[in-house]
Amino acid sequence: MIIFERSTLFSKWLKSLKDKTGHQRILARIRSATLGNFGDCESVGESVFEMRVHYGPGYRIYLTRREDVVYLLLLGGDKSTQNRDISRAKEMAKSLEARKK
């Protein structure tokens, strides 16, 4: 089983969603990924992956791999904030990597 940890930014974003159905679909997507089914998920570079949720405004979940079966959910967003979110997620991943050294 794959383990997902949440960053504070991701937790705040998820909690702030007013779209209850979108919120539930995001949680269902994460549950599916814990079983190994990442679905529509691709690398956006620099150890960051974008998991797309095809609902509402096109929700995005940005994550990085920490260990063999542990992933960190960095932050979330939607299609309208995609470029900014990718840049921010890459910065977060770099910062985490630097702390490991």
PDB file of N, CA and C in Angstrom:
ATOM      1  N   MET A   1       0.842  -1.180   0.000  1.00  0.00           N
ATOM      2  CA  MET A   1       0.000   0.000   0.000  1.00  0.00           C
ATOM      3  C   MET A   1       0.888   1.244   0.000  1.00  0.00           C
ATOM      4  N   ILE A   2       0.483   2.224  -0.743  1.00  0.00           N
ATOM      5  CA  ILE A   2       1.205   3.488  -0.852  1.00  0.00           C
ATOM      6  C   ILE A   2       0.669   4.450   0.209  1.00  0.00           C
ATOM      7  N   ILE A   3       1.564   5.212   0.795  1.00  0.00           N
ATOM      8  CA  ILE A   3       1.199   6.155   1.852  1.00  0.00           C
ATOM      9  C   ILE A   3       1.330   7.575   1.312  1.00  0.00           C
ATOM     10  N   PHE A   4       0.331   8.391   1.585  1.00  0.00           N
ATOM     11  CA  PHE A   4       0.363   9.803   1.211  1.00  0.00           C
ATOM     12  C   PHE A   4       0.364  10.650   2.471  1.00  0.00           C
ATOM     13  N   GLU A   5       1.345  11.535   2.561  1.00  0.00           N
ATOM     14  CA  GLU A   5       1.392  12.525   3.630  1.00  0.00           C
ATOM     15  C   GLU A   5       0.984  13.855   3.016  1.00  0.00           C
ATOM     16  N   ARG A   6       0.431  14.726   3.834  1.00  0.00           N
ATOM     17  CA  ARG A   6      -0.045  16.017   3.327  1.00  0.00           C
ATOM     18  C   ARG A   6       0.789  17.162   3.881  1.00  0.00           C
ATOM     19  N   SER A   7       1.150  18.074   3.007  1.00  0.00           N
ATOM     20  CA  SER A   7       1.799  19.301   3.473  1.00  0.00           C
ATOM     21  C   SER A   7       0.721  20.193   4.084  1.00  0.00           C
ATOM     22  N   THR A   8       1.148  21.161   4.853  1.00  0.00           N
ATOM     23  CA  THR A   8       0.210  22.115   5.444  1.00  0.00           C
ATOM     24  C   THR A   8      -0.533  22.871   4.349  1.00  0.00           C
ATOM     25  N   LEU A   9       0.184  23.261   3.298  1.00  0.00           N
ATOM     26  CA  LEU A   9      -0.458  23.984   2.187  1.00  0.00           C
ATOM     27  C   LEU A   9      -1.532  23.141   1.513  1.00  0.00           C
ATOM     28  N   PHE A  10      -1.247  21.850   1.309  1.00  0.00           N
ATOM     29  CA  PHE A  10      -2.240  20.987   0.680  1.00  0.00           C
ATOM     30  C   PHE A  10      -3.471  20.867   1.578  1.00  0.00           C
ATOM     31  N   SER A  11      -3.255  20.626   2.857  1.00  0.00           N
ATOM     32  CA  SER A  11      -4.379  20.478   3.792  1.00  0.00           C
ATOM     33  C   SER A  11      -5.239  21.733   3.834  1.00  0.00           C
ATOM     34  N   LYS A  12      -4.597  22.904   3.853  1.00  0.00           N
ATOM     35  CA  LYS A  12      -5.350  24.166   3.868  1.00  0.00           C
ATOM     36  C   LYS A  12      -6.158  24.331   2.588  1.00  0.00           C
ATOM     37  N   TRP A  13      -5.535  24.002   1.453  1.00  0.00           N
ATOM     38  CA  TRP A  13      -6.237  24.123   0.170  1.00  0.00           C
ATOM     39  C   TRP A  13      -7.457  23.204   0.138  1.00  0.00           C
ATOM     40  N   LEU A  14      -7.270  21.959   0.538  1.00  0.00           N
ATOM     41  CA  LEU A  14      -8.370  20.996   0.494  1.00  0.00           C
ATOM     42  C   LEU A  14      -9.495  21.419   1.431  1.00  0.00           C
ATOM     43  N   LYS A  15      -9.136  21.885   2.600  1.00  0.00           N
ATOM     44  CA  LYS A  15     -10.137  22.313   3.580  1.00  0.00           C
ATOM     45  C   LYS A  15     -10.899  23.543   3.096  1.00  0.00           C
ATOM     46  N   SER A  16     -10.255  24.384   2.307  1.00  0.00           N
ATOM     47  CA  SER A  16     -10.882  25.627   1.846  1.00  0.00           C
ATOM     48  C   SER A  16     -11.842  25.429   0.671  1.00  0.00           C
ATOM     49  N   LEU A  17     -11.833  24.250   0.058  1.00  0.00           N
ATOM     50  CA  LEU A  17     -12.711  24.018  -1.097  1.00  0.00           C
ATOM     51  C   LEU A  17     -14.177  24.089  -0.689  1.00  0.00           C
ATOM     52  N   LYS A  18     -14.922  24.909  -1.387  1.00  0.00           N
ATOM     53  CA  LYS A  18     -16.355  25.012  -1.120  1.00  0.00           C
ATOM     54  C   LYS A  18     -17.144  23.971  -1.919  1.00  0.00           C
ATOM     55  N   ASP A  19     -16.535  23.450  -2.956  1.00  0.00           N
ATOM     56  CA  ASP A  19     -17.147  22.438  -3.820  1.00  0.00           C
ATOM     57  C   ASP A  19     -17.072  21.079  -3.113  1.00  0.00           C
ATOM     58  N   LYS A  20     -18.152  20.692  -2.453  1.00  0.00           N
ATOM     59  CA  LYS A  20     -18.155  19.451  -1.661  1.00  0.00           C
ATOM     60  C   LYS A  20     -17.984  18.210  -2.535  1.00  0.00           C
ATOM     61  N   THR A  21     -18.592  18.210  -3.716  1.00  0.00           N
ATOM     62  CA  THR A  21     -18.429  17.065  -4.612  1.00  0.00           C
ATOM     63  C   THR A  21     -16.989  16.987  -5.098  1.00  0.00           C
ATOM     64  N   GLY A  22     -16.411  18.126  -5.436  1.00  0.00           N
ATOM     65  CA  GLY A  22     -15.006  18.165  -5.844  1.00  0.00           C
ATOM     66  C   GLY A  22     -14.103  17.671  -4.734  1.00  0.00           C
ATOM     67  N   HIS A  23     -14.388  18.084  -3.518  1.00  0.00           N
ATOM     68  CA  HIS A  23     -13.626  17.653  -2.345  1.00  0.00           C
ATOM     69  C   HIS A  23     -13.674  16.128  -2.226  1.00  0.00           C
ATOM     70  N   GLN A  24     -14.853  15.565  -2.365  1.00  0.00           N
ATOM     71  CA  GLN A  24     -15.006  14.109  -2.266  1.00  0.00           C
ATOM     72  C   GLN A  24     -14.300  13.383  -3.413  1.00  0.00           C
ATOM     73  N   ARG A  25     -14.356  13.959  -4.592  1.00  0.00           N
ATOM     74  CA  ARG A  25     -13.668  13.328  -5.732  1.00  0.00           C
ATOM     75  C   ARG A  25     -12.149  13.357  -5.565  1.00  0.00           C
ATOM     76  N   ILE A  26     -11.638  14.417  -4.994  1.00  0.00           N
ATOM     77  CA  ILE A  26     -10.196  14.504  -4.728  1.00  0.00           C
ATOM     78  C   ILE A  26      -9.796  13.443  -3.714  1.00  0.00           C
ATOM     79  N   LEU A  27     -10.576  13.309  -2.637  1.00  0.00           N
ATOM     80  CA  LEU A  27     -10.276  12.284  -1.630  1.00  0.00           C
ATOM     81  C   LEU A  27     -10.360  10.881  -2.230  1.00  0.00           C
ATOM     82  N   ALA A  28     -11.353  10.657  -3.089  1.00  0.00           N
ATOM     83  CA  ALA A  28     -11.486   9.345  -3.742  1.00  0.00           C
ATOM     84  C   ALA A  28     -10.285   9.075  -4.638  1.00  0.00           C
ATOM     85  N   ARG A  29      -9.802  10.103  -5.296  1.00  0.00           N
ATOM     86  CA  ARG A  29      -8.636   9.955  -6.174  1.00  0.00           C
ATOM     87  C   ARG A  29      -7.390   9.582  -5.381  1.00  0.00           C
ATOM     88  N   ILE A  30      -7.226  10.193  -4.220  1.00  0.00           N
ATOM     89  CA  ILE A  30      -6.091   9.874  -3.350  1.00  0.00           C
ATOM     90  C   ILE A  30      -6.220   8.443  -2.831  1.00  0.00           C
ATOM     91  N   ARG A  31      -7.435   8.042  -2.435  1.00  0.00           N
ATOM     92  CA  ARG A  31      -7.651   6.656  -1.971  1.00  0.00           C
ATOM     93  C   ARG A  31      -7.303   5.665  -3.068  1.00  0.00           C
ATOM     94  N   SER A  32      -7.697   5.951  -4.282  1.00  0.00           N
ATOM     95  CA  SER A  32      -7.384   5.075  -5.413  1.00  0.00           C
ATOM     96  C   SER A  32      -5.874   4.968  -5.615  1.00  0.00           C
ATOM     97  N   ALA A  33      -5.179   6.084  -5.465  1.00  0.00           N
ATOM     98  CA  ALA A  33      -3.723   6.089  -5.636  1.00  0.00           C
ATOM     99  C   ALA A  33      -3.024   5.295  -4.537  1.00  0.00           C
ATOM    100  N   THR A  34      -3.605   5.237  -3.336  1.00  0.00           N
ATOM    101  CA  THR A  34      -2.984   4.442  -2.266  1.00  0.00           C
ATOM    102  C   THR A  34      -2.951   2.967  -2.641  1.00  0.00           C
ATOM    103  N   LEU A  35      -3.837   2.568  -3.531  1.00  0.00           N
ATOM    104  CA  LEU A  35      -3.874   1.178  -3.998  1.00  0.00           C
ATOM    105  C   LEU A  35      -3.045   0.979  -5.262  1.00  0.00           C
ATOM    106  N   GLY A  36      -2.349   2.026  -5.691  1.00  0.00           N
ATOM    107  CA  GLY A  36      -1.468   1.920  -6.846  1.00  0.00           C
ATOM    108  C   GLY A  36      -2.040   2.441  -8.145  1.00  0.00           C
ATOM    109  N   ASN A  37      -3.302   2.874  -8.147  1.00  0.00           N
ATOM    110  CA  ASN A  37      -3.924   3.387  -9.359  1.00  0.00           C
ATOM    111  C   ASN A  37      -3.837   4.916  -9.362  1.00  0.00           C
ATOM    112  N   PHE A  38      -2.745   5.439  -9.927  1.00  0.00           N
ATOM    113  CA  PHE A  38      -2.551   6.883  -9.961  1.00  0.00           C
ATOM    114  C   PHE A  38      -3.370   7.544 -11.063  1.00  0.00           C
ATOM    115  N   GLY A  39      -3.856   6.776 -12.018  1.00  0.00           N
ATOM    116  CA  GLY A  39      -4.673   7.337 -13.078  1.00  0.00           C
ATOM    117  C   GLY A  39      -3.932   8.384 -13.887  1.00  0.00           C
ATOM    118  N   ASP A  40      -4.591   9.497 -14.152  1.00  0.00           N
ATOM    119  CA  ASP A  40      -4.035  10.573 -14.969  1.00  0.00           C
ATOM    120  C   ASP A  40      -3.031  11.367 -14.130  1.00  0.00           C
ATOM    121  N   CYS A  41      -1.791  10.919 -14.151  1.00  0.00           N
ATOM    122  CA  CYS A  41      -0.733  11.519 -13.331  1.00  0.00           C
ATOM    123  C   CYS A  41       0.553  11.517 -14.142  1.00  0.00           C
ATOM    124  N   GLU A  42       1.150  12.692 -14.309  1.00  0.00           N
ATOM    125  CA  GLU A  42       2.367  12.800 -15.113  1.00  0.00           C
ATOM    126  C   GLU A  42       3.390  13.688 -14.428  1.00  0.00           C
ATOM    127  N   SER A  43       4.638  13.460 -14.755  1.00  0.00           N
ATOM    128  CA  SER A  43       5.724  14.287 -14.240  1.00  0.00           C
ATOM    129  C   SER A  43       5.649  15.674 -14.871  1.00  0.00           C
ATOM    130  N   VAL A  44       5.883  16.687 -14.037  1.00  0.00           N
ATOM    131  CA  VAL A  44       5.999  18.052 -14.553  1.00  0.00           C
ATOM    132  C   VAL A  44       7.435  18.536 -14.382  1.00  0.00           C
ATOM    133  N   GLY A  45       8.321  17.607 -14.011  1.00  0.00           N
ATOM    134  CA  GLY A  45       9.741  17.905 -13.884  1.00  0.00           C
ATOM    135  C   GLY A  45      10.186  18.121 -12.449  1.00  0.00           C
ATOM    136  N   GLU A  46      11.486  17.960 -12.244  1.00  0.00           N
ATOM    137  CA  GLU A  46      12.121  18.224 -10.955  1.00  0.00           C
ATOM    138  C   GLU A  46      11.472  17.460  -9.800  1.00  0.00           C
ATOM    139  N   SER A  47      11.182  16.185 -10.031  1.00  0.00           N
ATOM    140  CA  SER A  47      10.634  15.281  -9.014  1.00  0.00           C
ATOM    141  C   SER A  47       9.210  15.613  -8.584  1.00  0.00           C
ATOM    142  N   VAL A  48       8.492  16.392  -9.374  1.00  0.00           N
ATOM    143  CA  VAL A  48       7.116  16.768  -9.049  1.00  0.00           C
ATOM    144  C   VAL A  48       6.184  16.132 -10.073  1.00  0.00           C
ATOM    145  N   PHE A  49       5.063  15.612  -9.570  1.00  0.00           N
ATOM    146  CA  PHE A  49       4.050  15.000 -10.416  1.00  0.00           C
ATOM    147  C   PHE A  49       2.742  15.759 -10.261  1.00  0.00           C
ATOM    148  N   GLU A  50       1.969  15.787 -11.344  1.00  0.00           N
ATOM    149  CA  GLU A  50       0.662  16.424 -11.341  1.00  0.00           C
ATOM    150  C   GLU A  50      -0.387  15.338 -11.539  1.00  0.00           C
ATOM    151  N   MET A  51      -1.275  15.199 -10.572  1.00  0.00           N
ATOM    152  CA  MET A  51      -2.385  14.259 -10.664  1.00  0.00           C
ATOM    153  C   MET A  51      -3.632  15.083 -11.001  1.00  0.00           C
ATOM    154  N   ARG A  52      -4.237  14.779 -12.130  1.00  0.00           N
ATOM    155  CA  ARG A  52      -5.392  15.544 -12.577  1.00  0.00           C
ATOM    156  C   ARG A  52      -6.692  14.860 -12.152  1.00  0.00           C
ATOM    157  N   VAL A  53      -7.621  15.690 -11.680  1.00  0.00           N
ATOM    158  CA  VAL A  53      -8.954  15.225 -11.300  1.00  0.00           C
ATOM    159  C   VAL A  53      -9.910  15.861 -12.298  1.00  0.00           C
ATOM    160  N   HIS A  54     -10.511  15.049 -13.136  1.00  0.00           N
ATOM    161  CA  HIS A  54     -11.371  15.558 -14.209  1.00  0.00           C
ATOM    162  C   HIS A  54     -12.770  15.843 -13.677  1.00  0.00           C
ATOM    163  N   TYR A  55     -12.845  16.954 -12.956  1.00  0.00           N
ATOM    164  CA  TYR A  55     -14.124  17.384 -12.404  1.00  0.00           C
ATOM    165  C   TYR A  55     -14.035  18.880 -12.128  1.00  0.00           C
ATOM    166  N   GLY A  56     -15.160  19.549 -12.218  1.00  0.00           N
ATOM    167  CA  GLY A  56     -15.220  20.973 -11.888  1.00  0.00           C
ATOM    168  C   GLY A  56     -14.242  21.786 -12.717  1.00  0.00           C
ATOM    169  N   PRO A  57     -13.448  22.632 -12.052  1.00  0.00           N
ATOM    170  CA  PRO A  57     -12.517  23.500 -12.773  1.00  0.00           C
ATOM    171  C   PRO A  57     -11.235  22.792 -13.209  1.00  0.00           C
ATOM    172  N   GLY A  58     -11.197  21.471 -13.076  1.00  0.00           N
ATOM    173  CA  GLY A  58      -9.993  20.721 -13.446  1.00  0.00           C
ATOM    174  C   GLY A  58      -8.987  20.737 -12.317  1.00  0.00           C
ATOM    175  N   TYR A  59      -9.366  20.129 -11.203  1.00  0.00           N
ATOM    176  CA  TYR A  59      -8.495  20.125 -10.025  1.00  0.00           C
ATOM    177  C   TYR A  59      -7.175  19.431 -10.314  1.00  0.00           C
ATOM    178  N   ARG A  60      -6.119  19.935  -9.669  1.00  0.00           N
ATOM    179  CA  ARG A  60      -4.775  19.370  -9.790  1.00  0.00           C
ATOM    180  C   ARG A  60      -4.227  19.115  -8.392  1.00  0.00           C
ATOM    181  N   ILE A  61      -3.497  18.009  -8.248  1.00  0.00           N
ATOM    182  CA  ILE A  61      -2.813  17.676  -7.004  1.00  0.00           C
ATOM    183  C   ILE A  61      -1.343  17.516  -7.361  1.00  0.00           C
ATOM    184  N   TYR A  62      -0.482  18.228  -6.663  1.00  0.00           N
ATOM    185  CA  TYR A  62       0.955  18.163  -6.932  1.00  0.00           C
ATOM    186  C   TYR A  62       1.631  17.382  -5.819  1.00  0.00           C
ATOM    187  N   LEU A  63       2.458  16.413  -6.215  1.00  0.00           N
ATOM    188  CA  LEU A  63       3.074  15.529  -5.241  1.00  0.00           C
ATOM    189  C   LEU A  63       4.503  15.209  -5.616  1.00  0.00           C
ATOM    190  N   THR A  64       5.245  14.729  -4.639  1.00  0.00           N
ATOM    191  CA  THR A  64       6.614  14.286  -4.849  1.00  0.00           C
ATOM    192  C   THR A  64       6.821  12.998  -4.072  1.00  0.00           C
ATOM    193  N   ARG A  65       7.727  12.199  -4.552  1.00  0.00           N
ATOM    194  CA  ARG A  65       8.016  10.918  -3.902  1.00  0.00           C
ATOM    195  C   ARG A  65       9.078  11.130  -2.831  1.00  0.00           C
ATOM    196  N   ARG A  66       8.814  10.623  -1.627  1.00  0.00           N
ATOM    197  CA  ARG A  66       9.768  10.778  -0.528  1.00  0.00           C
ATOM    198  C   ARG A  66      10.544   9.498  -0.276  1.00  0.00           C
ATOM    199  N   GLU A  67       9.873   8.372  -0.361  1.00  0.00           N
ATOM    200  CA  GLU A  67      10.491   7.064  -0.165  1.00  0.00           C
ATOM    201  C   GLU A  67       9.844   6.110  -1.158  1.00  0.00           C
ATOM    202  N   ASP A  68      10.187   4.827  -1.076  1.00  0.00           N
ATOM    203  CA  ASP A  68       9.645   3.862  -2.036  1.00  0.00           C
ATOM    204  C   ASP A  68       8.123   3.893  -2.114  1.00  0.00           C
ATOM    205  N   VAL A  69       7.461   3.942  -0.979  1.00  0.00           N
ATOM    206  CA  VAL A  69       5.998   3.896  -0.988  1.00  0.00           C
ATOM    207  C   VAL A  69       5.367   5.091  -0.273  1.00  0.00           C
ATOM    208  N   VAL A  70       6.135   6.156  -0.091  1.00  0.00           N
ATOM    209  CA  VAL A  70       5.613   7.344   0.592  1.00  0.00           C
ATOM    210  C   VAL A  70       5.687   8.545  -0.350  1.00  0.00           C
ATOM    211  N   TYR A  71       4.563   9.212  -0.509  1.00  0.00           N
ATOM    212  CA  TYR A  71       4.478  10.414  -1.332  1.00  0.00           C
ATOM    213  C   TYR A  71       4.003  11.567  -0.463  1.00  0.00           C
ATOM    214  N   LEU A  72       4.447  12.761  -0.792  1.00  0.00           N
ATOM    215  CA  LEU A  72       4.002  13.959  -0.092  1.00  0.00           C
ATOM    216  C   LEU A  72       3.125  14.768  -1.035  1.00  0.00           C
ATOM    217  N   LEU A  73       1.894  15.035  -0.605  1.00  0.00           N
ATOM    218  CA  LEU A  73       0.989  15.889  -1.359  1.00  0.00           C
ATOM    219  C   LEU A  73       1.405  17.328  -1.066  1.00  0.00           C
ATOM    220  N   LEU A  74       2.006  17.983  -2.042  1.00  0.00           N
ATOM    221  CA  LEU A  74       2.581  19.313  -1.839  1.00  0.00           C
ATOM    222  C   LEU A  74       1.524  20.401  -1.777  1.00  0.00           C
ATOM    223  N   LEU A  75       0.699  20.479  -2.814  1.00  0.00           N
ATOM    224  CA  LEU A  75      -0.348  21.487  -2.856  1.00  0.00           C
ATOM    225  C   LEU A  75      -1.364  21.115  -3.913  1.00  0.00           C
ATOM    226  N   GLY A  76      -2.443  21.851  -3.933  1.00  0.00           N
ATOM    227  CA  GLY A  76      -3.505  21.601  -4.898  1.00  0.00           C
ATOM    228  C   GLY A  76      -3.895  22.894  -5.581  1.00  0.00           C
ATOM    229  N   GLY A  77      -4.615  22.754  -6.659  1.00  0.00           N
ATOM    230  CA  GLY A  77      -5.076  23.912  -7.404  1.00  0.00           C
ATOM    231  C   GLY A  77      -6.025  23.455  -8.492  1.00  0.00           C
ATOM    232  N   ASP A  78      -6.184  24.282  -9.501  1.00  0.00           N
ATOM    233  CA  ASP A  78      -7.000  23.893 -10.644  1.00  0.00           C
ATOM    234  C   ASP A  78      -6.351  24.426 -11.918  1.00  0.00           C
ATOM    235  N   LYS A  79      -6.994  24.198 -13.020  1.00  0.00           N
ATOM    236  CA  LYS A  79      -6.428  24.552 -14.318  1.00  0.00           C
ATOM    237  C   LYS A  79      -6.045  26.036 -14.387  1.00  0.00           C
ATOM    238  N   SER A  80      -6.834  26.889 -13.744  1.00  0.00           N
ATOM    239  CA  SER A  80      -6.575  28.330 -13.838  1.00  0.00           C
ATOM    240  C   SER A  80      -5.300  28.764 -13.113  1.00  0.00           C
ATOM    241  N   THR A  81      -4.829  27.980 -12.150  1.00  0.00           N
ATOM    242  CA  THR A  81      -3.618  28.334 -11.397  1.00  0.00           C
ATOM    243  C   THR A  81      -2.472  27.361 -11.670  1.00  0.00           C
ATOM    244  N   GLN A  82      -2.601  26.572 -12.724  1.00  0.00           N
ATOM    245  CA  GLN A  82      -1.673  25.479 -13.007  1.00  0.00           C
ATOM    246  C   GLN A  82      -0.209  25.915 -13.090  1.00  0.00           C
ATOM    247  N   ASN A  83       0.106  26.920 -13.883  1.00  0.00           N
ATOM    248  CA  ASN A  83       1.510  27.326 -14.051  1.00  0.00           C
ATOM    249  C   ASN A  83       2.124  27.789 -12.735  1.00  0.00           C
ATOM    250  N   ARG A  84       1.403  28.611 -12.006  1.00  0.00           N
ATOM    251  CA  ARG A  84       1.887  29.090 -10.710  1.00  0.00           C
ATOM    252  C   ARG A  84       2.054  27.924  -9.731  1.00  0.00           C
ATOM    253  N   ASP A  85       1.094  27.006  -9.717  1.00  0.00           N
ATOM    254  CA  ASP A  85       1.147  25.862  -8.801  1.00  0.00           C
ATOM    255  C   ASP A  85       2.327  24.947  -9.103  1.00  0.00           C
ATOM    256  N   ILE A  86       2.599  24.720 -10.380  1.00  0.00           N
ATOM    257  CA  ILE A  86       3.734  23.866 -10.757  1.00  0.00           C
ATOM    258  C   ILE A  86       5.041  24.494 -10.273  1.00  0.00           C
ATOM    259  N   SER A  87       5.202  25.793 -10.490  1.00  0.00           N
ATOM    260  CA  SER A  87       6.421  26.480 -10.032  1.00  0.00           C
ATOM    261  C   SER A  87       6.566  26.385  -8.521  1.00  0.00           C
ATOM    262  N   ARG A  88       5.489  26.587  -7.828  1.00  0.00           N
ATOM    263  CA  ARG A  88       5.513  26.526  -6.359  1.00  0.00           C
ATOM    264  C   ARG A  88       5.820  25.114  -5.870  1.00  0.00           C
ATOM    265  N   ALA A  89       5.220  24.113  -6.497  1.00  0.00           N
ATOM    266  CA  ALA A  89       5.465  22.718  -6.106  1.00  0.00           C
ATOM    267  C   ALA A  89       6.927  22.344  -6.331  1.00  0.00           C
ATOM    268  N   LYS A  90       7.507  22.805  -7.430  1.00  0.00           N
ATOM    269  CA  LYS A  90       8.922  22.527  -7.702  1.00  0.00           C
ATOM    270  C   LYS A  90       9.811  23.170  -6.643  1.00  0.00           C
ATOM    271  N   GLU A  91       9.486  24.394  -6.244  1.00  0.00           N
ATOM    272  CA  GLU A  91      10.251  25.063  -5.186  1.00  0.00           C
ATOM    273  C   GLU A  91      10.154  24.282  -3.878  1.00  0.00           C
ATOM    274  N   MET A  92       8.954  23.805  -3.559  1.00  0.00           N
ATOM    275  CA  MET A  92       8.763  23.032  -2.328  1.00  0.00           C
ATOM    276  C   MET A  92       9.574  21.742  -2.366  1.00  0.00           C
ATOM    277  N   ALA A  93       9.556  21.056  -3.509  1.00  0.00           N
ATOM    278  CA  ALA A  93      10.302  19.798  -3.645  1.00  0.00           C
ATOM    279  C   ALA A  93      11.804  20.043  -3.502  1.00  0.00           C
ATOM    280  N   LYS A  94      12.308  21.127  -4.105  1.00  0.00           N
ATOM    281  CA  LYS A  94      13.732  21.468  -3.987  1.00  0.00           C
ATOM    282  C   LYS A  94      14.104  21.742  -2.534  1.00  0.00           C
ATOM    283  N   SER A  95      13.253  22.461  -1.846  1.00  0.00           N
ATOM    284  CA  SER A  95      13.496  22.789  -0.444  1.00  0.00           C
ATOM    285  C   SER A  95      13.537  21.526   0.413  1.00  0.00           C
ATOM    286  N   LEU A  96      12.630  20.597   0.160  1.00  0.00           N
ATOM    287  CA  LEU A  96      12.618  19.327   0.895  1.00  0.00           C
ATOM    288  C   LEU A  96      13.880  18.529   0.625  1.00  0.00           C
ATOM    289  N   GLU A  97      14.305  18.512  -0.625  1.00  0.00           N
ATOM    290  CA  GLU A  97      15.511  17.768  -1.003  1.00  0.00           C
ATOM    291  C   GLU A  97      16.747  18.369  -0.339  1.00  0.00           C
ATOM    292  N   ALA A  98      16.808  19.690  -0.285  1.00  0.00           N
ATOM    293  CA  ALA A  98      17.949  20.365   0.337  1.00  0.00           C
ATOM    294  C   ALA A  98      18.024  20.065   1.834  1.00  0.00           C
ATOM    295  N   ARG A  99      16.877  19.929   2.488  1.00  0.00           N
ATOM    296  CA  ARG A  99      16.850  19.611   3.921  1.00  0.00           C
ATOM    297  C   ARG A  99      17.327  18.201   4.208  1.00  0.00           C
ATOM    298  N   LYS A 100      17.157  17.306   3.238  1.00  0.00           N
ATOM    299  CA  LYS A 100      17.585  15.913   3.420  1.00  0.00           C
ATOM    300  C   LYS A 100      19.101  15.792   3.429  1.00  0.00           C
ATOM    301  N   LYS A 101      19.791  16.717   2.771  1.00  0.00           N
ATOM    302  CA  LYS A 101      21.255  16.632   2.622  1.00  0.00           C
ATOM    303  C   LYS A 101      21.978  17.139   3.837  1.00  0.00           C
TER     304      LYS A 101
END
